[in-house]
Amino acid sequence: MVILNLNLLPEKQRQYLRLFLLLTWLKNVLTYAFFVLVILVVFLTLVYNVLVEESQNLAERTAAVNKNYNTYNVEITEINKKIQSLISSGEKYRLLSPRFFEMMNGVPADIKLRSLEMDIAGNTLSLFGTAQTRTGLLNYEQALKNLSWVEKVDLPKSQLLQKENINWQITLTVKPPTLNGATK
């Protein structure tokens, strides 16, 4: 069977009909494109709002972390300073520690040490205590003089006036290399 394409319309109406069909097709394409663009704009607006909210939350969390970080950083710096101070003070006394034990082992039974003061700059060591007898105090003075790292022992003679229960103070002048760490 043969299909006849018979068009009895005048040429001007045919062109008008073609133009009308083309414009209708173009109107439908533009309508669909408009709807797609509206959906895309709505989707992008929602995505934008979500991203703005998340970026604000992230900025708030970062600010909170930075605030806490600064607090922790200050605390850690203070702790490090204290540790460094302990280390440096320990270095000054490292050479004297064995000598303290040597000095304490030589304390007679009738001598009681109350306190000890050290002057690193003046290379002096002051001992404070109580002696039950004058003889015990003089023996302790002699024991201190026999220590190799002690240069001079100063026991004021006024403290030897009593015979018993003597409160005393002895000042030791220590050889400089011991305190300054030049030799062991």
C-alpha atoms as a PDB file:
ATOM      1  CA  MET A   1       0.000   0.000   0.000  1.00  0.00           C
ATOM      2  CA  VAL A   2       1.248   3.380  -0.911  1.00  0.00           C
ATOM      3  CA  ILE A   3       0.714   6.379   1.257  1.00  0.00           C
ATOM      4  CA  LEU A   4      -0.013   9.446  -0.596  1.00  0.00           C
ATOM      5  CA  ASN A   5       1.193  12.652   0.809  1.00  0.00           C
ATOM      6  CA  LEU A   6      -1.272  15.014  -0.664  1.00  0.00           C
ATOM      7  CA  ASN A   7      -1.219  18.515   0.570  1.00  0.00           C
ATOM      8  CA  LEU A   8      -3.838  20.758  -0.835  1.00  0.00           C
ATOM      9  CA  LEU A   9      -3.037  23.735   1.324  1.00  0.00           C
ATOM     10  CA  PRO A  10      -1.634  26.766  -0.334  1.00  0.00           C
ATOM     11  CA  GLU A  11       2.093  27.375   0.072  1.00  0.00           C
ATOM     12  CA  LYS A  12       1.649  30.322   2.390  1.00  0.00           C
ATOM     13  CA  GLN A  13      -0.495  28.341   4.826  1.00  0.00           C
ATOM     14  CA  ARG A  14       1.951  25.429   4.685  1.00  0.00           C
ATOM     15  CA  GLN A  15       4.785  27.739   5.695  1.00  0.00           C
ATOM     16  CA  TYR A  16       2.588  29.191   8.420  1.00  0.00           C
ATOM     17  CA  LEU A  17       1.735  25.690   9.646  1.00  0.00           C
ATOM     18  CA  ARG A  18       5.415  24.663   9.641  1.00  0.00           C
ATOM     19  CA  LEU A  19       6.316  27.817  11.508  1.00  0.00           C
ATOM     20  CA  PHE A  20       3.522  27.183  14.015  1.00  0.00           C
ATOM     21  CA  LEU A  21       4.720  23.596  14.610  1.00  0.00           C
ATOM     22  CA  LEU A  22       8.291  24.794  15.013  1.00  0.00           C
ATOM     23  CA  LEU A  23       7.256  27.482  17.498  1.00  0.00           C
ATOM     24  CA  THR A  24       5.095  24.975  19.426  1.00  0.00           C
ATOM     25  CA  TRP A  25       8.032  22.558  19.618  1.00  0.00           C
ATOM     26  CA  LEU A  26      10.331  25.396  20.687  1.00  0.00           C
ATOM     27  CA  LYS A  27       7.759  26.518  23.323  1.00  0.00           C
ATOM     28  CA  ASN A  28       7.589  22.969  24.732  1.00  0.00           C
ATOM     29  CA  VAL A  29      11.413  22.664  24.844  1.00  0.00           C
ATOM     30  CA  LEU A  30      11.752  26.049  26.536  1.00  0.00           C
ATOM     31  CA  THR A  31       8.999  25.145  29.057  1.00  0.00           C
ATOM     32  CA  TYR A  32      10.769  21.902  29.944  1.00  0.00           C
ATOM     33  CA  ALA A  33      14.097  23.735  30.151  1.00  0.00           C
ATOM     34  CA  PHE A  34      12.506  26.339  32.435  1.00  0.00           C
ATOM     35  CA  PHE A  35      11.141  23.643  34.754  1.00  0.00           C
ATOM     36  CA  VAL A  36      14.538  21.932  34.841  1.00  0.00           C
ATOM     37  CA  LEU A  37      16.198  25.265  35.663  1.00  0.00           C
ATOM     38  CA  VAL A  38      13.667  25.982  38.447  1.00  0.00           C
ATOM     39  CA  ILE A  39      14.300  22.542  39.972  1.00  0.00           C
ATOM     40  CA  LEU A  40      18.069  23.057  39.652  1.00  0.00           C
ATOM     41  CA  VAL A  41      17.869  26.523  41.284  1.00  0.00           C
ATOM     42  CA  VAL A  42      15.790  25.145  44.177  1.00  0.00           C
ATOM     43  CA  PHE A  43      18.263  22.263  44.641  1.00  0.00           C
ATOM     44  CA  LEU A  44      21.286  24.593  44.523  1.00  0.00           C
ATOM     45  CA  THR A  45      19.615  26.969  47.014  1.00  0.00           C
ATOM     46  CA  LEU A  46      19.053  24.099  49.441  1.00  0.00           C
ATOM     47  CA  VAL A  47      22.628  22.887  48.983  1.00  0.00           C
ATOM     48  CA  TYR A  48      23.921  26.430  49.524  1.00  0.00           C
ATOM     49  CA  ASN A  49      21.947  26.798  52.779  1.00  0.00           C
ATOM     50  CA  VAL A  50      23.231  23.442  54.057  1.00  0.00           C
ATOM     51  CA  LEU A  51      26.818  24.378  53.181  1.00  0.00           C
ATOM     52  CA  VAL A  52      26.524  27.775  54.875  1.00  0.00           C
ATOM     53  CA  GLU A  53      25.155  26.153  58.036  1.00  0.00           C
ATOM     54  CA  GLU A  54      27.901  23.506  58.072  1.00  0.00           C
ATOM     55  CA  SER A  55      30.628  26.105  57.505  1.00  0.00           C
ATOM     56  CA  GLN A  56      29.277  28.159  60.429  1.00  0.00           C
ATOM     57  CA  ASN A  57      29.251  25.044  62.638  1.00  0.00           C
ATOM     58  CA  LEU A  58      32.813  24.274  61.561  1.00  0.00           C
ATOM     59  CA  ALA A  59      33.919  27.837  62.336  1.00  0.00           C
ATOM     60  CA  GLU A  60      32.312  27.640  65.804  1.00  0.00           C
ATOM     61  CA  ARG A  61      34.027  24.300  66.530  1.00  0.00           C
ATOM     62  CA  THR A  62      37.352  25.676  65.304  1.00  0.00           C
ATOM     63  CA  ALA A  63      37.000  28.731  67.536  1.00  0.00           C
ATOM     64  CA  ALA A  64      36.176  26.499  70.512  1.00  0.00           C
ATOM     65  CA  VAL A  65      39.145  24.251  69.773  1.00  0.00           C
ATOM     66  CA  ASN A  66      41.483  27.233  69.327  1.00  0.00           C
ATOM     67  CA  LYS A  67      40.276  28.746  72.614  1.00  0.00           C
ATOM     68  CA  ASN A  68      40.908  25.471  74.456  1.00  0.00           C
ATOM     69  CA  TYR A  69      44.178  24.977  72.590  1.00  0.00           C
ATOM     70  CA  ASN A  70      45.475  28.329  73.814  1.00  0.00           C
ATOM     71  CA  THR A  71      44.525  27.428  77.392  1.00  0.00           C
ATOM     72  CA  TYR A  72      46.246  24.054  77.121  1.00  0.00           C
ATOM     73  CA  ASN A  73      49.240  25.646  75.423  1.00  0.00           C
ATOM     74  CA  VAL A  74      49.680  28.114  78.304  1.00  0.00           C
ATOM     75  CA  GLU A  75      49.389  25.281  80.857  1.00  0.00           C
ATOM     76  CA  ILE A  76      51.911  23.144  78.978  1.00  0.00           C
ATOM     77  CA  THR A  77      54.325  26.083  78.709  1.00  0.00           C
ATOM     78  CA  GLU A  78      54.091  26.669  82.464  1.00  0.00           C
ATOM     79  CA  ILE A  79      54.685  22.974  83.187  1.00  0.00           C
ATOM     80  CA  ASN A  80      57.656  22.920  80.828  1.00  0.00           C
ATOM     81  CA  LYS A  81      59.141  25.961  82.599  1.00  0.00           C
ATOM     82  CA  LYS A  82      58.759  24.230  85.962  1.00  0.00           C
ATOM     83  CA  ILE A  83      60.348  21.050  84.627  1.00  0.00           C
ATOM     84  CA  GLN A  84      63.229  23.040  83.136  1.00  0.00           C
ATOM     85  CA  SER A  85      63.684  24.824  86.459  1.00  0.00           C
ATOM     86  CA  LEU A  86      63.822  21.487  88.273  1.00  0.00           C
ATOM     87  CA  ILE A  87      66.325  20.118  85.784  1.00  0.00           C
ATOM     88  CA  SER A  88      68.559  23.180  86.007  1.00  0.00           C
ATOM     89  CA  SER A  89      68.414  23.254  89.803  1.00  0.00           C
ATOM     90  CA  GLY A  90      69.222  19.546  89.883  1.00  0.00           C
ATOM     91  CA  GLU A  91      72.281  20.156  87.730  1.00  0.00           C
ATOM     92  CA  LYS A  92      73.624  22.643  90.291  1.00  0.00           C
ATOM     93  CA  TYR A  93      73.287  20.166  93.138  1.00  0.00           C
ATOM     94  CA  ARG A  94      74.220  16.991  91.250  1.00  0.00           C
ATOM     95  CA  LEU A  95      77.858  17.126  92.366  1.00  0.00           C
ATOM     96  CA  LEU A  96      76.957  18.021  95.947  1.00  0.00           C
ATOM     97  CA  SER A  97      74.469  15.201  96.542  1.00  0.00           C
ATOM     98  CA  PRO A  98      77.100  12.511  97.283  1.00  0.00           C
ATOM     99  CA  ARG A  99      78.905  14.988  99.531  1.00  0.00           C
ATOM    100  CA  PHE A 100      75.730  15.632 101.509  1.00  0.00           C
ATOM    101  CA  PHE A 101      75.450  11.899 102.166  1.00  0.00           C
ATOM    102  CA  GLU A 102      79.123  11.828 103.163  1.00  0.00           C
ATOM    103  CA  MET A 103      78.511  14.733 105.554  1.00  0.00           C
ATOM    104  CA  MET A 104      75.337  13.157 107.015  1.00  0.00           C
ATOM    105  CA  ASN A 105      77.030   9.788 107.589  1.00  0.00           C
ATOM    106  CA  GLY A 106      79.620  11.541 109.756  1.00  0.00           C
ATOM    107  CA  VAL A 107      77.044  13.040 112.148  1.00  0.00           C
ATOM    108  CA  PRO A 108      77.558  11.652 115.682  1.00  0.00           C
ATOM    109  CA  ALA A 109      74.603  10.304 117.637  1.00  0.00           C
ATOM    110  CA  ASP A 110      74.538  13.242 120.067  1.00  0.00           C
ATOM    111  CA  ILE A 111      74.277  15.824 117.224  1.00  0.00           C
ATOM    112  CA  LYS A 112      70.867  16.729 115.733  1.00  0.00           C
ATOM    113  CA  LEU A 113      70.740  18.679 112.462  1.00  0.00           C
ATOM    114  CA  ARG A 114      67.763  21.047 112.166  1.00  0.00           C
ATOM    115  CA  SER A 115      68.379  22.726 108.825  1.00  0.00           C
ATOM    116  CA  LEU A 116      70.796  23.359 106.046  1.00  0.00           C
ATOM    117  CA  GLU A 117      71.244  26.522 103.968  1.00  0.00           C
ATOM    118  CA  MET A 118      73.299  26.748 100.808  1.00  0.00           C
ATOM    119  CA  ASP A 119      74.699  29.793  99.059  1.00  0.00           C
ATOM    120  CA  ILE A 120      75.889  28.718  95.604  1.00  0.00           C
ATOM    121  CA  ALA A 121      77.307  32.138  94.739  1.00  0.00           C
ATOM    122  CA  GLY A 122      79.271  32.432  97.995  1.00  0.00           C
ATOM    123  CA  ASN A 123      80.282  28.733  98.034  1.00  0.00           C
ATOM    124  CA  THR A 124      79.051  28.436 101.618  1.00  0.00           C
ATOM    125  CA  LEU A 125      76.961  25.876 103.417  1.00  0.00           C
ATOM    126  CA  SER A 126      75.401  26.667 106.809  1.00  0.00           C
ATOM    127  CA  LEU A 127      74.355  23.869 109.165  1.00  0.00           C
ATOM    128  CA  PHE A 128      72.026  24.461 112.110  1.00  0.00           C
ATOM    129  CA  GLY A 129      71.403  22.029 114.930  1.00  0.00           C
ATOM    130  CA  THR A 130      71.619  21.009 118.566  1.00  0.00           C
ATOM    131  CA  ALA A 131      74.409  19.140 120.336  1.00  0.00           C
ATOM    132  CA  GLN A 132      73.906  17.247 123.569  1.00  0.00           C
ATOM    133  CA  THR A 133      77.513  17.917 124.651  1.00  0.00           C
ATOM    134  CA  ARG A 134      80.313  20.323 123.816  1.00  0.00           C
ATOM    135  CA  THR A 135      82.639  17.353 123.112  1.00  0.00           C
ATOM    136  CA  GLY A 136      80.199  15.967 120.539  1.00  0.00           C
ATOM    137  CA  LEU A 137      80.053  19.345 118.806  1.00  0.00           C
ATOM    138  CA  LEU A 138      83.855  19.630 118.713  1.00  0.00           C
ATOM    139  CA  ASN A 139      84.112  16.078 117.333  1.00  0.00           C
ATOM    140  CA  TYR A 140      81.601  16.949 114.598  1.00  0.00           C
ATOM    141  CA  GLU A 141      83.562  20.108 113.772  1.00  0.00           C
ATOM    142  CA  GLN A 142      86.717  17.979 113.417  1.00  0.00           C
ATOM    143  CA  ALA A 143      84.862  15.455 111.220  1.00  0.00           C
ATOM    144  CA  LEU A 144      83.719  18.299 108.936  1.00  0.00           C
ATOM    145  CA  LYS A 145      87.283  19.637 108.704  1.00  0.00           C
ATOM    146  CA  ASN A 146      88.442  16.186 107.550  1.00  0.00           C
ATOM    147  CA  LEU A 147      86.091  16.223 104.522  1.00  0.00           C
ATOM    148  CA  SER A 148      88.119  16.685 101.338  1.00  0.00           C
ATOM    149  CA  TRP A 149      85.661  19.053  99.681  1.00  0.00           C
ATOM    150  CA  VAL A 150      85.462  21.458 102.653  1.00  0.00           C
ATOM    151  CA  GLU A 151      87.912  24.341 102.561  1.00  0.00           C
ATOM    152  CA  LYS A 152      87.086  25.995 105.917  1.00  0.00           C
ATOM    153  CA  VAL A 153      84.845  25.237 108.931  1.00  0.00           C
ATOM    154  CA  ASP A 154      83.624  28.193 111.004  1.00  0.00           C
ATOM    155  CA  LEU A 155      82.173  27.389 114.428  1.00  0.00           C
ATOM    156  CA  PRO A 156      81.776  30.561 116.508  1.00  0.00           C
ATOM    157  CA  LYS A 157      83.557  30.210 119.863  1.00  0.00           C
ATOM    158  CA  SER A 158      80.615  31.843 121.639  1.00  0.00           C
ATOM    159  CA  GLN A 159      78.627  28.673 120.995  1.00  0.00           C
ATOM    160  CA  LEU A 160      81.126  26.617 123.009  1.00  0.00           C
ATOM    161  CA  LEU A 161      80.367  28.403 126.319  1.00  0.00           C
ATOM    162  CA  GLN A 162      77.621  25.939 127.244  1.00  0.00           C
ATOM    163  CA  LYS A 163      78.430  22.331 128.202  1.00  0.00           C
ATOM    164  CA  GLU A 164      75.103  20.680 127.248  1.00  0.00           C
ATOM    165  CA  ASN A 165      72.146  21.232 124.897  1.00  0.00           C
ATOM    166  CA  ILE A 166      74.030  23.640 122.651  1.00  0.00           C
ATOM    167  CA  ASN A 167      72.213  25.302 119.753  1.00  0.00           C
ATOM    168  CA  TRP A 168      74.864  25.783 117.094  1.00  0.00           C
ATOM    169  CA  GLN A 169      75.494  27.056 113.613  1.00  0.00           C
ATOM    170  CA  ILE A 170      78.471  25.915 111.561  1.00  0.00           C
ATOM    171  CA  THR A 171      79.380  27.637 108.289  1.00  0.00           C
ATOM    172  CA  LEU A 172      81.362  25.579 105.787  1.00  0.00           C
ATOM    173  CA  THR A 173      83.284  27.160 102.957  1.00  0.00           C
ATOM    174  CA  VAL A 174      83.188  24.679 100.093  1.00  0.00           C
ATOM    175  CA  LYS A 175      85.936  24.382  97.500  1.00  0.00           C
ATOM    176  CA  PRO A 176      84.730  26.229  94.381  1.00  0.00           C
ATOM    177  CA  PRO A 177      85.032  23.404  91.822  1.00  0.00           C
ATOM    178  CA  THR A 178      82.532  21.382  93.821  1.00  0.00           C
ATOM    179  CA  LEU A 179      79.749  23.925  93.525  1.00  0.00           C
ATOM    180  CA  ASN A 180      80.520  25.213  90.053  1.00  0.00           C
ATOM    181  CA  GLY A 181      80.677  21.701  88.589  1.00  0.00           C
ATOM    182  CA  ALA A 182      84.258  21.913  87.247  1.00  0.00           C
ATOM    183  CA  THR A 183      85.312  18.620  88.801  1.00  0.00           C
ATOM    184  CA  LYS A 184      83.633  15.793  90.570  1.00  0.00           C
END
